[in-house]
Amino acid sequence: MSHYLDDPAEVAENGTVAGNITKPYLSGTLRDGHPYYRTYAMRLLEKLKRTRKGFFLKTNRGVFHARVGAPVRIDMTDGMTSERAEIVQMELRYKQKEAFVASFFLEEE
């Protein structure tokens, strides 16, 4: 099953970017009178239309409690702040003769 959704004003301004989202829980079950896949697509389109900032951070501190999808607040030493960002990608590196490195890619919500 496929469901296509667009915003004509946004397409005219920024063009089209197609996204193929496959999730096991997208179904035709009605939610508020509409199939769930349509509700999900509308929410995702609204989220993706918003302009967001992205951050790449690297640290040697052990941040073992961090997880992908977690909301975070950013206060950087140069004064830049973000009240709410989400960890989109993270990588923890352990090497035998080097310091631990944690790297994160964050997107502002």
N, C-alpha and C. Protein backbone atom coordinates (compact mmCIF):
# COMPACT_ATOMS: atom_id res chain seq x y z
N MET A 1 0.84 -1.16 0.00
CA MET A 1 0.00 0.00 0.00
C MET A 1 0.90 1.24 0.00
N SER A 2 0.54 2.24 -0.77
CA SER A 2 1.28 3.50 -0.83
C SER A 2 0.32 4.64 -0.55
N HIS A 3 0.85 5.69 0.05
CA HIS A 3 0.06 6.89 0.31
C HIS A 3 0.93 8.09 -0.01
N TYR A 4 0.49 8.91 -0.93
CA TYR A 4 1.25 10.09 -1.35
C TYR A 4 0.57 11.33 -0.80
N LEU A 5 1.37 12.24 -0.27
CA LEU A 5 0.85 13.45 0.33
C LEU A 5 1.81 14.59 0.02
N ASP A 6 1.29 15.76 -0.33
CA ASP A 6 2.17 16.90 -0.56
C ASP A 6 1.47 18.18 -0.13
N ASP A 7 2.24 19.25 -0.06
CA ASP A 7 1.75 20.58 0.25
C ASP A 7 2.09 21.44 -0.95
N PRO A 8 1.10 21.81 -1.79
CA PRO A 8 1.38 22.54 -3.04
C PRO A 8 2.19 23.82 -2.84
N ALA A 9 1.93 24.57 -1.78
CA ALA A 9 2.68 25.81 -1.54
C ALA A 9 4.15 25.51 -1.24
N GLU A 10 4.38 24.48 -0.44
CA GLU A 10 5.75 24.09 -0.10
C GLU A 10 6.49 23.54 -1.32
N VAL A 11 5.80 22.78 -2.16
CA VAL A 11 6.40 22.24 -3.39
C VAL A 11 6.78 23.38 -4.32
N ALA A 12 5.92 24.39 -4.44
CA ALA A 12 6.21 25.53 -5.32
C ALA A 12 7.43 26.32 -4.82
N GLU A 13 7.59 26.40 -3.50
CA GLU A 13 8.69 27.17 -2.92
C GLU A 13 10.01 26.40 -2.89
N ASN A 14 9.96 25.11 -2.50
CA ASN A 14 11.19 24.34 -2.28
C ASN A 14 11.37 23.12 -3.16
N GLY A 15 10.39 22.77 -3.96
CA GLY A 15 10.49 21.57 -4.79
C GLY A 15 10.00 20.35 -4.05
N THR A 16 10.17 19.21 -4.70
CA THR A 16 9.67 17.95 -4.15
C THR A 16 10.82 17.06 -3.69
N VAL A 17 10.65 16.47 -2.53
CA VAL A 17 11.57 15.45 -2.04
C VAL A 17 10.70 14.28 -1.62
N ALA A 18 10.89 13.15 -2.25
CA ALA A 18 10.08 11.97 -1.94
C ALA A 18 10.71 11.19 -0.80
N GLY A 19 9.90 10.71 0.10
CA GLY A 19 10.37 9.89 1.20
C GLY A 19 9.60 8.59 1.24
N ASN A 20 10.32 7.49 1.25
CA ASN A 20 9.69 6.18 1.32
C ASN A 20 9.81 5.69 2.76
N ILE A 21 8.74 5.76 3.50
CA ILE A 21 8.73 5.37 4.91
C ILE A 21 8.02 4.03 5.03
N THR A 22 8.70 3.04 5.55
CA THR A 22 8.09 1.73 5.77
C THR A 22 8.17 1.41 7.25
N LYS A 23 7.04 1.18 7.85
CA LYS A 23 6.97 0.85 9.28
C LYS A 23 5.98 -0.29 9.43
N PRO A 24 6.24 -1.20 10.37
CA PRO A 24 5.34 -2.34 10.53
C PRO A 24 3.97 -1.96 11.11
N TYR A 25 3.85 -0.79 11.72
CA TYR A 25 2.60 -0.44 12.39
C TYR A 25 1.71 0.50 11.58
N LEU A 26 2.06 0.79 10.33
CA LEU A 26 1.20 1.62 9.50
C LEU A 26 0.08 0.75 8.96
N SER A 27 -1.14 1.06 9.34
CA SER A 27 -2.27 0.23 8.94
C SER A 27 -3.43 1.11 8.50
N GLY A 28 -4.45 0.47 8.02
CA GLY A 28 -5.65 1.15 7.60
C GLY A 28 -6.65 1.32 8.74
N THR A 29 -6.27 1.00 9.95
CA THR A 29 -7.15 1.16 11.10
C THR A 29 -7.53 2.62 11.25
N LEU A 30 -8.81 2.87 11.47
CA LEU A 30 -9.28 4.25 11.56
C LEU A 30 -8.89 4.89 12.89
N ARG A 31 -8.42 6.12 12.78
CA ARG A 31 -8.10 6.93 13.95
C ARG A 31 -8.65 8.32 13.66
N ASP A 32 -9.58 8.78 14.46
CA ASP A 32 -10.28 10.05 14.23
C ASP A 32 -10.93 10.09 12.85
N GLY A 33 -11.45 8.95 12.40
CA GLY A 33 -12.16 8.88 11.14
C GLY A 33 -11.29 8.76 9.90
N HIS A 34 -9.96 8.71 10.07
CA HIS A 34 -9.03 8.59 8.94
C HIS A 34 -8.15 7.37 9.15
N PRO A 35 -7.68 6.73 8.08
CA PRO A 35 -6.75 5.61 8.24
C PRO A 35 -5.47 6.09 8.93
N TYR A 36 -4.89 5.24 9.76
CA TYR A 36 -3.71 5.63 10.53
C TYR A 36 -2.55 6.05 9.63
N TYR A 37 -2.36 5.37 8.49
CA TYR A 37 -1.24 5.73 7.61
C TYR A 37 -1.37 7.17 7.12
N ARG A 38 -2.61 7.65 6.92
CA ARG A 38 -2.82 9.03 6.48
C ARG A 38 -2.49 10.01 7.61
N THR A 39 -2.94 9.69 8.82
CA THR A 39 -2.64 10.53 9.98
C THR A 39 -1.15 10.62 10.20
N TYR A 40 -0.46 9.48 10.10
CA TYR A 40 1.00 9.44 10.28
C TYR A 40 1.69 10.28 9.21
N ALA A 41 1.25 10.14 7.95
CA ALA A 41 1.86 10.89 6.85
C ALA A 41 1.66 12.39 7.03
N MET A 42 0.49 12.82 7.48
CA MET A 42 0.23 14.23 7.70
C MET A 42 1.12 14.79 8.81
N ARG A 43 1.27 14.05 9.91
CA ARG A 43 2.13 14.50 11.01
C ARG A 43 3.58 14.57 10.57
N LEU A 44 4.04 13.57 9.81
CA LEU A 44 5.42 13.54 9.34
C LEU A 44 5.69 14.69 8.38
N LEU A 45 4.76 14.98 7.47
CA LEU A 45 4.92 16.09 6.54
C LEU A 45 5.03 17.42 7.29
N GLU A 46 4.19 17.63 8.31
CA GLU A 46 4.25 18.86 9.10
C GLU A 46 5.60 18.99 9.81
N LYS A 47 6.11 17.88 10.33
CA LYS A 47 7.40 17.91 11.02
C LYS A 47 8.54 18.22 10.04
N LEU A 48 8.51 17.61 8.87
CA LEU A 48 9.60 17.78 7.91
C LEU A 48 9.57 19.16 7.23
N LYS A 49 8.42 19.83 7.21
CA LYS A 49 8.34 21.15 6.60
C LYS A 49 8.99 22.23 7.46
N ARG A 50 9.06 22.00 8.78
CA ARG A 50 9.63 23.01 9.67
C ARG A 50 11.13 23.12 9.47
N THR A 51 11.64 24.34 9.48
CA THR A 51 13.08 24.57 9.39
C THR A 51 13.71 24.21 10.73
N ARG A 52 14.76 23.39 10.68
CA ARG A 52 15.44 22.95 11.89
C ARG A 52 16.93 23.16 11.75
N LYS A 53 17.62 23.30 12.89
CA LYS A 53 19.07 23.39 12.90
C LYS A 53 19.62 22.01 13.23
N GLY A 54 20.78 21.70 12.70
CA GLY A 54 21.45 20.45 13.02
C GLY A 54 22.77 20.73 13.73
N PHE A 55 23.16 19.86 14.63
CA PHE A 55 24.39 20.01 15.40
C PHE A 55 25.17 18.71 15.34
N PHE A 56 26.49 18.81 15.24
CA PHE A 56 27.35 17.64 15.37
C PHE A 56 28.23 17.88 16.58
N LEU A 57 28.19 16.98 17.55
CA LEU A 57 28.95 17.13 18.79
C LEU A 57 29.85 15.93 19.00
N LYS A 58 31.01 16.20 19.57
CA LYS A 58 31.96 15.14 19.90
C LYS A 58 32.46 15.38 21.31
N THR A 59 32.57 14.33 22.10
CA THR A 59 33.05 14.47 23.47
C THR A 59 33.83 13.23 23.89
N ASN A 60 34.68 13.40 24.90
CA ASN A 60 35.39 12.27 25.48
C ASN A 60 34.75 11.83 26.79
N ARG A 61 33.67 12.45 27.16
CA ARG A 61 32.96 12.09 28.39
C ARG A 61 32.11 10.86 28.15
N GLY A 62 32.00 10.04 29.16
CA GLY A 62 31.15 8.85 29.06
C GLY A 62 29.68 9.25 29.19
N VAL A 63 28.95 9.15 28.12
CA VAL A 63 27.53 9.52 28.11
C VAL A 63 26.71 8.27 27.80
N PHE A 64 26.85 7.30 28.64
CA PHE A 64 26.26 5.98 28.38
C PHE A 64 24.74 5.99 28.52
N HIS A 65 24.18 7.01 29.16
CA HIS A 65 22.73 7.09 29.32
C HIS A 65 22.05 7.67 28.07
N ALA A 66 22.82 8.22 27.14
CA ALA A 66 22.24 8.81 25.92
C ALA A 66 21.68 7.72 25.02
N ARG A 67 20.63 8.07 24.27
CA ARG A 67 20.06 7.11 23.32
C ARG A 67 19.46 7.88 22.15
N VAL A 68 19.37 7.23 21.01
CA VAL A 68 18.79 7.85 19.82
C VAL A 68 17.32 8.12 20.09
N GLY A 69 16.87 9.29 19.70
CA GLY A 69 15.48 9.69 19.91
C GLY A 69 15.27 10.48 21.19
N ALA A 70 16.29 10.57 22.05
CA ALA A 70 16.15 11.28 23.32
C ALA A 70 16.21 12.79 23.09
N PRO A 71 15.36 13.55 23.79
CA PRO A 71 15.44 15.01 23.70
C PRO A 71 16.58 15.51 24.58
N VAL A 72 17.28 16.55 24.12
CA VAL A 72 18.39 17.13 24.88
C VAL A 72 18.32 18.65 24.79
N ARG A 73 18.95 19.31 25.74
CA ARG A 73 19.10 20.77 25.74
C ARG A 73 20.58 21.04 25.51
N ILE A 74 20.90 21.99 24.65
CA ILE A 74 22.29 22.27 24.30
C ILE A 74 22.67 23.65 24.79
N ASP A 75 23.76 23.73 25.58
CA ASP A 75 24.37 24.99 26.00
C ASP A 75 25.84 24.89 25.62
N MET A 76 26.26 25.59 24.57
CA MET A 76 27.63 25.51 24.11
C MET A 76 28.44 26.68 24.68
N THR A 77 29.75 26.52 24.73
CA THR A 77 30.61 27.53 25.34
C THR A 77 30.61 28.85 24.58
N ASP A 78 30.27 28.83 23.29
CA ASP A 78 30.23 30.08 22.52
C ASP A 78 28.92 30.84 22.69
N GLY A 79 28.05 30.37 23.57
CA GLY A 79 26.79 31.05 23.84
C GLY A 79 25.60 30.52 23.07
N MET A 80 25.83 29.63 22.09
CA MET A 80 24.73 29.07 21.31
C MET A 80 23.95 28.09 22.19
N THR A 81 22.64 28.21 22.15
CA THR A 81 21.80 27.30 22.92
C THR A 81 20.65 26.79 22.06
N SER A 82 20.13 25.66 22.45
CA SER A 82 18.93 25.12 21.83
C SER A 82 18.13 24.49 22.96
N GLU A 83 16.91 24.94 23.12
CA GLU A 83 16.08 24.45 24.23
C GLU A 83 15.71 22.98 24.06
N ARG A 84 15.48 22.55 22.83
CA ARG A 84 15.07 21.15 22.64
C ARG A 84 15.59 20.64 21.30
N ALA A 85 16.44 19.66 21.36
CA ALA A 85 16.95 18.99 20.17
C ALA A 85 16.78 17.48 20.40
N GLU A 86 16.89 16.73 19.33
CA GLU A 86 16.73 15.28 19.43
C GLU A 86 17.99 14.60 18.89
N ILE A 87 18.44 13.57 19.59
CA ILE A 87 19.59 12.79 19.12
C ILE A 87 19.10 11.94 17.95
N VAL A 88 19.65 12.22 16.77
CA VAL A 88 19.24 11.52 15.56
C VAL A 88 20.19 10.36 15.27
N GLN A 89 21.46 10.57 15.57
CA GLN A 89 22.47 9.55 15.28
C GLN A 89 23.54 9.66 16.35
N MET A 90 24.04 8.53 16.81
CA MET A 90 25.13 8.56 17.79
C MET A 90 26.09 7.41 17.55
N GLU A 91 27.33 7.64 17.93
CA GLU A 91 28.35 6.62 17.75
C GLU A 91 29.28 6.66 18.96
N LEU A 92 29.52 5.52 19.55
CA LEU A 92 30.44 5.39 20.68
C LEU A 92 31.64 4.60 20.21
N ARG A 93 32.85 5.17 20.37
CA ARG A 93 34.06 4.50 19.90
C ARG A 93 34.98 4.18 21.06
N TYR A 94 35.35 2.94 21.13
CA TYR A 94 36.32 2.47 22.12
C TYR A 94 37.50 1.90 21.35
N LYS A 95 38.69 2.40 21.62
CA LYS A 95 39.89 1.86 20.99
C LYS A 95 40.86 1.49 22.10
N GLN A 96 41.67 0.50 21.83
CA GLN A 96 42.55 -0.02 22.87
C GLN A 96 43.52 1.03 23.39
N LYS A 97 44.12 1.83 22.53
CA LYS A 97 45.15 2.76 22.96
C LYS A 97 44.78 4.22 22.73
N GLU A 98 43.48 4.51 22.65
CA GLU A 98 43.02 5.88 22.46
C GLU A 98 41.89 6.16 23.42
N ALA A 99 41.60 7.44 23.58
CA ALA A 99 40.53 7.86 24.48
C ALA A 99 39.16 7.49 23.90
N PHE A 100 38.21 7.29 24.77
CA PHE A 100 36.83 7.05 24.39
C PHE A 100 36.30 8.28 23.66
N VAL A 101 35.51 8.09 22.59
CA VAL A 101 34.92 9.20 21.85
C VAL A 101 33.44 8.90 21.62
N ALA A 102 32.59 9.87 21.98
CA ALA A 102 31.16 9.79 21.70
C ALA A 102 30.84 10.91 20.73
N SER A 103 30.20 10.59 19.61
CA SER A 103 29.81 11.62 18.65
C SER A 103 28.30 11.53 18.42
N PHE A 104 27.69 12.70 18.27
CA PHE A 104 26.24 12.80 18.15
C PHE A 104 25.88 13.73 17.01
N PHE A 105 24.83 13.39 16.28
CA PHE A 105 24.20 14.33 15.38
C PHE A 105 22.84 14.63 15.95
N LEU A 106 22.56 15.92 16.18
CA LEU A 106 21.31 16.35 16.80
C LEU A 106 20.55 17.23 15.82
N GLU A 107 19.24 17.17 15.86
CA GLU A 107 18.40 18.08 15.10
C GLU A 107 17.49 18.80 16.06
N GLU A 108 17.39 20.11 15.88
CA GLU A 108 16.50 20.90 16.71
C GLU A 108 15.07 20.59 16.31
N GLU A 109 14.20 20.43 17.28
CA GLU A 109 12.79 20.10 17.00
C GLU A 109 12.00 21.32 16.65
